[in-house]
């Protein structure tokens, strides 16, 4: 005979499983959104780096469009860093634990990126673009070195 207690425990277990599945789905969605943001940033760099290297002509419209695309893809950034998205969780991530152990450092790295991106966006010609770009490259590199695991 099934008691009310065992039915209650079974129901609680099913609810907990549903909640953990929902949390895992949320973590997966956050990690996928971060990855999409990083891919958009990579696309932005593919537009800018050839200009810096002298391989393509300066094109303000293309640069601005690539920045707009990255900004759109990264729009929910602040919401994508829940505890359930840490490395070692149920969903694979390239984020390092330092994001959570050094949140001030991570925020500072993000602020440096935003400032550098704004300077590139504010550039008005090839000379000002080439003057602004190195800070953006440095901001990307610095964040990746400290807060992103190398690809496997």
N, C-alpha and C. Protein backbone atom coordinates (compact mmCIF):
# COMPACT_ATOMS: atom_id res chain seq x y z
N UNK A 1 0.84 -1.17 0.00
CA UNK A 1 0.00 0.00 0.00
C UNK A 1 0.89 1.24 0.00
N UNK A 2 0.53 2.23 -0.79
CA UNK A 2 1.29 3.47 -0.92
C UNK A 2 0.76 4.46 0.10
N UNK A 3 1.66 4.99 0.88
CA UNK A 3 1.24 5.97 1.88
C UNK A 3 1.26 7.37 1.28
N UNK A 4 0.61 8.28 1.97
CA UNK A 4 0.61 9.68 1.55
C UNK A 4 2.03 10.23 1.60
N UNK A 5 2.82 9.75 2.54
CA UNK A 5 4.20 10.23 2.67
C UNK A 5 5.01 9.83 1.45
N UNK A 6 4.89 8.57 1.01
CA UNK A 6 5.68 8.13 -0.15
C UNK A 6 5.21 8.83 -1.42
N UNK A 7 3.92 9.09 -1.55
CA UNK A 7 3.41 9.84 -2.70
C UNK A 7 3.98 11.25 -2.66
N UNK A 8 3.99 11.85 -1.47
CA UNK A 8 4.53 13.20 -1.33
C UNK A 8 6.00 13.25 -1.67
N UNK A 9 6.78 12.27 -1.21
CA UNK A 9 8.21 12.22 -1.52
C UNK A 9 8.44 12.02 -3.01
N UNK A 10 7.63 11.15 -3.61
CA UNK A 10 7.75 10.91 -5.05
C UNK A 10 7.45 12.20 -5.82
N UNK A 11 6.38 12.88 -5.42
CA UNK A 11 6.01 14.13 -6.07
C UNK A 11 7.10 15.18 -5.89
N UNK A 12 7.65 15.27 -4.69
CA UNK A 12 8.74 16.23 -4.44
C UNK A 12 9.95 15.90 -5.31
N UNK A 13 10.25 14.60 -5.44
CA UNK A 13 11.37 14.18 -6.28
C UNK A 13 11.15 14.54 -7.74
N UNK A 14 9.95 14.34 -8.23
CA UNK A 14 9.62 14.69 -9.62
C UNK A 14 9.74 16.20 -9.81
N UNK A 15 9.23 16.98 -8.86
CA UNK A 15 9.33 18.44 -8.95
C UNK A 15 10.79 18.88 -8.93
N UNK A 16 11.59 18.28 -8.06
CA UNK A 16 13.01 18.64 -7.98
C UNK A 16 13.71 18.30 -9.29
N UNK A 17 13.38 17.17 -9.86
CA UNK A 17 13.97 16.78 -11.15
C UNK A 17 13.57 17.78 -12.22
N UNK A 18 12.31 18.19 -12.21
CA UNK A 18 11.86 19.18 -13.18
C UNK A 18 12.56 20.51 -12.99
N UNK A 19 12.73 20.91 -11.74
CA UNK A 19 13.42 22.16 -11.47
C UNK A 19 14.88 22.08 -11.88
N UNK A 20 15.54 20.95 -11.62
CA UNK A 20 16.94 20.84 -12.01
C UNK A 20 17.06 20.79 -13.53
N UNK A 21 16.10 20.19 -14.20
CA UNK A 21 16.12 20.19 -15.67
C UNK A 21 15.91 21.60 -16.21
N UNK A 22 15.02 22.35 -15.57
CA UNK A 22 14.79 23.73 -15.99
C UNK A 22 16.03 24.57 -15.72
N UNK A 23 16.67 24.37 -14.57
CA UNK A 23 17.89 25.11 -14.26
C UNK A 23 19.00 24.77 -15.25
N UNK A 24 19.10 23.49 -15.61
CA UNK A 24 20.11 23.09 -16.57
C UNK A 24 19.82 23.72 -17.94
N UNK A 25 18.55 23.80 -18.31
CA UNK A 25 18.19 24.44 -19.57
C UNK A 25 18.53 25.92 -19.54
N UNK A 26 18.29 26.58 -18.39
CA UNK A 26 18.65 27.99 -18.24
C UNK A 26 20.16 28.18 -18.34
N UNK A 27 20.91 27.30 -17.68
CA UNK A 27 22.38 27.37 -17.74
C UNK A 27 22.85 27.17 -19.17
N UNK A 28 22.28 26.21 -19.85
CA UNK A 28 22.66 25.94 -21.24
C UNK A 28 22.35 27.15 -22.12
N UNK A 29 21.19 27.74 -21.93
CA UNK A 29 20.81 28.92 -22.73
C UNK A 29 21.76 30.08 -22.46
N UNK A 30 22.14 30.27 -21.20
CA UNK A 30 23.08 31.35 -20.86
C UNK A 30 24.44 31.11 -21.50
N UNK A 31 24.93 29.90 -21.41
CA UNK A 31 26.24 29.57 -21.98
C UNK A 31 26.20 29.70 -23.50
N UNK A 32 25.12 29.26 -24.11
CA UNK A 32 24.98 29.40 -25.57
C UNK A 32 24.91 30.87 -25.98
N UNK A 33 24.25 31.69 -25.17
CA UNK A 33 24.17 33.13 -25.46
C UNK A 33 25.56 33.76 -25.35
N UNK A 34 26.33 33.36 -24.33
CA UNK A 34 27.71 33.87 -24.21
C UNK A 34 28.53 33.48 -25.43
N UNK A 35 28.38 32.23 -25.86
CA UNK A 35 29.13 31.76 -27.03
C UNK A 35 28.73 32.54 -28.29
N UNK A 36 27.44 32.82 -28.45
CA UNK A 36 26.98 33.60 -29.61
C UNK A 36 27.55 35.02 -29.56
N UNK A 37 27.61 35.58 -28.38
CA UNK A 37 28.20 36.91 -28.19
C UNK A 37 29.67 36.88 -28.61
N UNK A 38 30.40 35.88 -28.15
CA UNK A 38 31.82 35.79 -28.48
C UNK A 38 32.03 35.58 -29.99
N UNK A 39 31.16 34.80 -30.62
CA UNK A 39 31.25 34.60 -32.07
C UNK A 39 30.99 35.92 -32.80
N UNK A 40 30.05 36.70 -32.32
CA UNK A 40 29.78 38.00 -32.93
C UNK A 40 30.98 38.93 -32.75
N UNK A 41 31.61 38.86 -31.57
CA UNK A 41 32.83 39.66 -31.36
C UNK A 41 33.94 39.20 -32.29
N UNK A 42 34.03 37.89 -32.52
CA UNK A 42 35.01 37.37 -33.47
C UNK A 42 34.72 37.87 -34.88
N UNK A 43 33.45 37.93 -35.23
CA UNK A 43 33.06 38.47 -36.54
C UNK A 43 33.44 39.94 -36.66
N UNK A 44 33.31 40.67 -35.57
CA UNK A 44 33.70 42.08 -35.55
C UNK A 44 35.21 42.19 -35.80
N UNK A 45 35.97 41.33 -35.16
CA UNK A 45 37.43 41.37 -35.34
C UNK A 45 37.82 41.00 -36.78
N UNK A 46 37.06 40.11 -37.40
CA UNK A 46 37.35 39.73 -38.78
C UNK A 46 37.15 40.89 -39.75
N UNK A 47 36.34 41.85 -39.36
CA UNK A 47 36.16 43.05 -40.16
C UNK A 47 37.30 44.05 -39.90
N UNK A 48 37.70 44.16 -38.64
CA UNK A 48 38.66 45.20 -38.26
C UNK A 48 40.13 44.82 -38.45
N UNK A 49 40.50 43.63 -38.11
CA UNK A 49 41.92 43.24 -38.14
C UNK A 49 42.53 43.39 -39.54
N UNK A 50 41.83 42.98 -40.61
CA UNK A 50 42.43 43.18 -41.94
C UNK A 50 42.67 44.66 -42.27
N UNK A 51 41.87 45.55 -41.71
CA UNK A 51 42.09 46.99 -41.92
C UNK A 51 43.38 47.40 -41.20
N UNK A 52 43.52 46.93 -39.97
CA UNK A 52 44.73 47.25 -39.18
C UNK A 52 45.97 46.72 -39.89
N UNK A 53 45.87 45.54 -40.48
CA UNK A 53 47.02 44.91 -41.15
C UNK A 53 47.26 45.47 -42.56
N UNK A 54 46.37 46.35 -43.03
CA UNK A 54 46.51 46.91 -44.36
C UNK A 54 46.08 45.96 -45.47
N UNK A 55 45.33 44.93 -45.11
CA UNK A 55 44.86 43.94 -46.07
C UNK A 55 43.53 44.32 -46.72
N UNK A 56 42.80 45.21 -46.08
CA UNK A 56 41.52 45.69 -46.60
C UNK A 56 41.44 47.19 -46.37
N UNK A 57 40.69 47.87 -47.23
CA UNK A 57 40.54 49.32 -47.03
C UNK A 57 39.65 49.63 -45.82
N UNK A 58 39.88 50.77 -45.22
CA UNK A 58 39.06 51.25 -44.12
C UNK A 58 37.64 51.43 -44.62
N UNK A 59 36.66 50.92 -43.86
CA UNK A 59 35.25 51.01 -44.22
C UNK A 59 34.46 51.27 -42.94
N UNK A 60 34.22 52.53 -42.65
CA UNK A 60 33.52 52.93 -41.42
C UNK A 60 32.16 52.23 -41.29
N UNK A 61 31.42 52.13 -42.38
CA UNK A 61 30.10 51.51 -42.32
C UNK A 61 30.21 50.03 -41.93
N UNK A 62 31.18 49.32 -42.48
CA UNK A 62 31.35 47.90 -42.15
C UNK A 62 31.78 47.73 -40.70
N UNK A 63 32.66 48.60 -40.23
CA UNK A 63 33.11 48.55 -38.84
C UNK A 63 31.94 48.82 -37.90
N UNK A 64 31.18 49.86 -38.18
CA UNK A 64 30.03 50.18 -37.34
C UNK A 64 28.99 49.07 -37.34
N UNK A 65 28.76 48.46 -38.51
CA UNK A 65 27.79 47.37 -38.60
C UNK A 65 28.27 46.16 -37.80
N UNK A 66 29.57 45.88 -37.83
CA UNK A 66 30.09 44.74 -37.07
C UNK A 66 29.98 44.99 -35.57
N UNK A 67 30.20 46.22 -35.16
CA UNK A 67 30.05 46.57 -33.74
C UNK A 67 28.57 46.46 -33.34
N UNK A 68 27.68 46.95 -34.16
CA UNK A 68 26.24 46.88 -33.86
C UNK A 68 25.80 45.42 -33.75
N UNK A 69 26.31 44.57 -34.63
CA UNK A 69 25.96 43.15 -34.58
C UNK A 69 26.45 42.53 -33.27
N UNK A 70 27.67 42.85 -32.88
CA UNK A 70 28.21 42.32 -31.62
C UNK A 70 27.42 42.85 -30.43
N UNK A 71 27.10 44.12 -30.44
CA UNK A 71 26.33 44.69 -29.32
C UNK A 71 24.95 44.04 -29.21
N UNK A 72 24.35 43.76 -30.33
CA UNK A 72 23.04 43.09 -30.32
C UNK A 72 23.17 41.68 -29.75
N UNK A 73 24.19 40.95 -30.21
CA UNK A 73 24.38 39.58 -29.74
C UNK A 73 24.73 39.53 -28.25
N UNK A 74 25.34 40.58 -27.74
CA UNK A 74 25.81 40.60 -26.35
C UNK A 74 24.87 41.35 -25.41
N UNK A 75 23.69 41.66 -25.89
CA UNK A 75 22.76 42.50 -25.13
C UNK A 75 22.35 41.99 -23.76
N UNK A 76 22.33 40.70 -23.54
CA UNK A 76 21.92 40.16 -22.24
C UNK A 76 23.07 39.76 -21.34
N UNK A 77 24.27 40.22 -21.67
CA UNK A 77 25.52 39.82 -21.01
C UNK A 77 25.42 39.70 -19.49
N UNK A 78 24.88 40.69 -18.84
CA UNK A 78 24.85 40.72 -17.37
C UNK A 78 24.05 39.56 -16.78
N UNK A 79 23.14 39.00 -17.54
CA UNK A 79 22.27 37.93 -17.03
C UNK A 79 22.81 36.52 -17.29
N UNK A 80 23.97 36.42 -17.91
CA UNK A 80 24.45 35.10 -18.37
C UNK A 80 25.50 34.47 -17.47
N UNK A 81 25.65 34.94 -16.23
CA UNK A 81 26.76 34.50 -15.39
C UNK A 81 26.28 33.93 -14.07
N UNK A 82 25.18 33.21 -14.08
CA UNK A 82 24.66 32.61 -12.86
C UNK A 82 25.61 31.54 -12.32
N UNK A 83 25.43 31.23 -11.06
CA UNK A 83 26.25 30.19 -10.40
C UNK A 83 26.17 28.87 -11.17
N UNK A 84 25.03 28.61 -11.78
CA UNK A 84 24.84 27.35 -12.50
C UNK A 84 25.58 27.30 -13.83
N UNK A 85 26.27 28.37 -14.19
CA UNK A 85 27.02 28.39 -15.45
C UNK A 85 28.53 28.31 -15.23
N UNK A 86 28.93 28.03 -13.99
CA UNK A 86 30.36 27.90 -13.67
C UNK A 86 30.95 26.66 -14.35
N UNK A 87 32.27 26.66 -14.53
CA UNK A 87 32.92 25.46 -15.05
C UNK A 87 32.74 24.30 -14.08
N UNK A 88 32.65 23.12 -14.64
CA UNK A 88 32.46 21.93 -13.83
C UNK A 88 31.01 21.58 -13.60
N UNK A 89 30.12 22.41 -14.11
CA UNK A 89 28.69 22.14 -13.97
C UNK A 89 28.23 21.14 -15.01
N UNK A 90 26.93 21.01 -15.12
CA UNK A 90 26.35 20.04 -16.03
C UNK A 90 26.53 20.43 -17.49
N UNK A 91 26.78 21.71 -17.75
CA UNK A 91 26.92 22.19 -19.12
C UNK A 91 28.35 22.69 -19.31
N UNK A 92 29.02 22.23 -20.37
CA UNK A 92 30.41 22.62 -20.64
C UNK A 92 30.49 24.12 -20.96
N UNK A 93 31.52 24.74 -20.41
CA UNK A 93 31.76 26.15 -20.67
C UNK A 93 33.26 26.40 -20.76
N UNK A 94 33.63 27.41 -21.51
CA UNK A 94 35.03 27.81 -21.59
C UNK A 94 35.35 28.91 -20.57
N UNK A 95 34.35 29.31 -19.80
CA UNK A 95 34.57 30.32 -18.77
C UNK A 95 35.43 29.73 -17.66
N UNK A 96 36.35 30.53 -17.14
CA UNK A 96 37.18 30.10 -16.02
C UNK A 96 36.49 30.45 -14.70
N UNK A 97 36.84 29.71 -13.67
CA UNK A 97 36.29 29.96 -12.33
C UNK A 97 36.63 31.36 -11.82
N UNK A 98 37.67 31.97 -12.37
CA UNK A 98 38.08 33.31 -11.93
C UNK A 98 36.98 34.35 -12.15
N UNK A 99 36.08 34.08 -13.05
CA UNK A 99 34.96 35.01 -13.27
C UNK A 99 34.17 35.17 -11.97
N UNK A 100 33.99 34.08 -11.25
CA UNK A 100 33.21 34.10 -10.02
C UNK A 100 34.08 34.38 -8.80
N UNK A 101 35.36 33.99 -8.84
CA UNK A 101 36.23 34.24 -7.69
C UNK A 101 36.82 35.66 -7.71
N UNK A 102 36.82 36.30 -8.87
CA UNK A 102 37.33 37.67 -9.01
C UNK A 102 36.32 38.51 -9.79
N UNK A 103 35.12 38.68 -9.24
CA UNK A 103 34.10 39.42 -9.99
C UNK A 103 34.49 40.87 -10.28
N UNK A 104 35.23 41.50 -9.39
CA UNK A 104 35.65 42.88 -9.64
C UNK A 104 36.62 42.93 -10.82
N UNK A 105 37.52 41.96 -10.90
CA UNK A 105 38.44 41.90 -12.02
C UNK A 105 37.70 41.65 -13.33
N UNK A 106 36.69 40.77 -13.28
CA UNK A 106 35.89 40.48 -14.47
C UNK A 106 35.11 41.71 -14.90
N UNK A 107 34.53 42.42 -13.95
CA UNK A 107 33.80 43.65 -14.26
C UNK A 107 34.74 44.71 -14.84
N UNK A 108 35.94 44.81 -14.29
CA UNK A 108 36.92 45.78 -14.81
C UNK A 108 37.32 45.42 -16.24
N UNK A 109 37.48 44.13 -16.50
CA UNK A 109 37.82 43.70 -17.86
C UNK A 109 36.68 44.04 -18.82
N UNK A 110 35.46 43.83 -18.38
CA UNK A 110 34.30 44.18 -19.20
C UNK A 110 34.21 45.68 -19.44
N UNK A 111 34.49 46.46 -18.42
CA UNK A 111 34.45 47.91 -18.56
C UNK A 111 35.52 48.40 -19.53
N UNK A 112 36.71 47.78 -19.48
CA UNK A 112 37.78 48.15 -20.41
C UNK A 112 37.36 47.85 -21.85
N UNK A 113 36.69 46.72 -22.03
CA UNK A 113 36.21 46.35 -23.36
C UNK A 113 35.17 47.36 -23.86
N UNK A 114 34.20 47.67 -23.02
CA UNK A 114 33.14 48.60 -23.42
C UNK A 114 33.73 49.96 -23.78
N UNK A 115 34.67 50.44 -22.98
CA UNK A 115 35.31 51.72 -23.25
C UNK A 115 36.07 51.68 -24.58
N UNK A 116 36.81 50.61 -24.82
CA UNK A 116 37.58 50.49 -26.05
C UNK A 116 36.67 50.35 -27.27
N UNK A 117 35.60 49.60 -27.12
CA UNK A 117 34.64 49.44 -28.22
C UNK A 117 34.00 50.79 -28.55
N UNK A 118 33.66 51.56 -27.54
CA UNK A 118 33.06 52.89 -27.75
C UNK A 118 34.03 53.81 -28.47
N UNK A 119 35.32 53.71 -28.14
CA UNK A 119 36.32 54.54 -28.81
C UNK A 119 36.43 54.17 -30.29
N UNK A 120 36.39 52.89 -30.59
CA UNK A 120 36.43 52.47 -31.99
C UNK A 120 35.18 52.96 -32.71
N UNK A 121 34.04 52.82 -32.07
CA UNK A 121 32.78 53.28 -32.67
C UNK A 121 32.80 54.79 -32.90
N UNK A 122 33.43 55.53 -32.02
CA UNK A 122 33.50 56.99 -32.14
C UNK A 122 34.54 57.44 -33.16
N UNK A 123 35.40 56.54 -33.60
CA UNK A 123 36.41 56.93 -34.59
C UNK A 123 35.71 57.42 -35.86
N UNK A 124 36.32 58.41 -36.50
CA UNK A 124 35.67 59.04 -37.66
C UNK A 124 36.42 58.85 -38.97
N UNK A 125 37.64 58.35 -38.86
CA UNK A 125 38.43 58.13 -40.07
C UNK A 125 39.44 57.02 -39.80
N UNK A 126 40.20 56.66 -40.82
CA UNK A 126 41.14 55.55 -40.68
C UNK A 126 42.17 55.81 -39.59
N UNK A 127 42.68 57.02 -39.51
CA UNK A 127 43.70 57.32 -38.50
C UNK A 127 43.16 57.18 -37.09
N UNK A 128 41.95 57.71 -36.83
CA UNK A 128 41.39 57.60 -35.48
C UNK A 128 40.98 56.16 -35.17
N UNK A 129 40.54 55.42 -36.19
CA UNK A 129 40.24 54.00 -36.00
C UNK A 129 41.51 53.25 -35.60
N UNK A 130 42.59 53.47 -36.34
CA UNK A 130 43.84 52.76 -36.07
C UNK A 130 44.43 53.16 -34.71
N UNK A 131 44.13 54.36 -34.26
CA UNK A 131 44.58 54.78 -32.94
C UNK A 131 43.74 54.13 -31.83
N UNK A 132 42.45 53.92 -32.09
CA UNK A 132 41.54 53.37 -31.07
C UNK A 132 41.59 51.84 -31.00
N UNK A 133 41.85 51.20 -32.11
CA UNK A 133 41.74 49.74 -32.16
C UNK A 133 42.65 48.98 -31.19
N UNK A 134 43.90 49.36 -31.00
CA UNK A 134 44.76 48.57 -30.11
C UNK A 134 44.19 48.35 -28.71
N UNK A 135 43.51 49.32 -28.17
CA UNK A 135 42.90 49.15 -26.84
C UNK A 135 41.81 48.09 -26.87
N UNK A 136 41.08 47.99 -27.98
CA UNK A 136 40.05 46.97 -28.11
C UNK A 136 40.70 45.59 -28.18
N UNK A 137 41.73 45.46 -28.99
CA UNK A 137 42.43 44.18 -29.07
C UNK A 137 43.01 43.77 -27.73
N UNK A 138 43.58 44.73 -27.01
CA UNK A 138 44.17 44.46 -25.69
C UNK A 138 43.08 44.05 -24.70
N UNK A 139 41.92 44.70 -24.76
CA UNK A 139 40.82 44.35 -23.86
C UNK A 139 40.33 42.93 -24.11
N UNK A 140 40.21 42.56 -25.37
CA UNK A 140 39.79 41.19 -25.71
C UNK A 140 40.83 40.18 -25.20
N UNK A 141 42.08 40.43 -25.52
CA UNK A 141 43.15 39.52 -25.14
C UNK A 141 43.24 39.38 -23.62
N UNK A 142 43.19 40.49 -22.91
CA UNK A 142 43.30 40.45 -21.46
C UNK A 142 42.19 39.64 -20.81
N UNK A 143 41.00 39.81 -21.30
CA UNK A 143 39.87 39.06 -20.74
C UNK A 143 40.01 37.58 -21.06
N UNK A 144 40.37 37.27 -22.29
CA UNK A 144 40.52 35.87 -22.68
C UNK A 144 41.63 35.19 -21.88
N UNK A 145 42.72 35.89 -21.66
CA UNK A 145 43.83 35.28 -20.93
C UNK A 145 43.46 34.95 -19.48
N UNK A 146 42.73 35.83 -18.84
CA UNK A 146 42.42 35.63 -17.43
C UNK A 146 41.12 34.87 -17.18
N UNK A 147 40.14 35.03 -18.06
CA UNK A 147 38.81 34.54 -17.75
C UNK A 147 38.26 33.47 -18.71
N UNK A 148 39.04 33.04 -19.68
CA UNK A 148 38.57 32.04 -20.65
C UNK A 148 39.56 30.90 -20.74
N UNK A 149 39.04 29.68 -20.67
CA UNK A 149 39.87 28.49 -20.83
C UNK A 149 40.22 28.32 -22.29
N UNK A 150 41.40 27.80 -22.53
CA UNK A 150 41.83 27.54 -23.91
C UNK A 150 40.94 26.47 -24.53
N UNK A 151 40.74 26.58 -25.83
CA UNK A 151 39.98 25.55 -26.54
C UNK A 151 40.68 24.22 -26.39
N UNK A 152 39.87 23.17 -26.28
CA UNK A 152 40.45 21.83 -26.18
C UNK A 152 40.62 21.20 -27.53
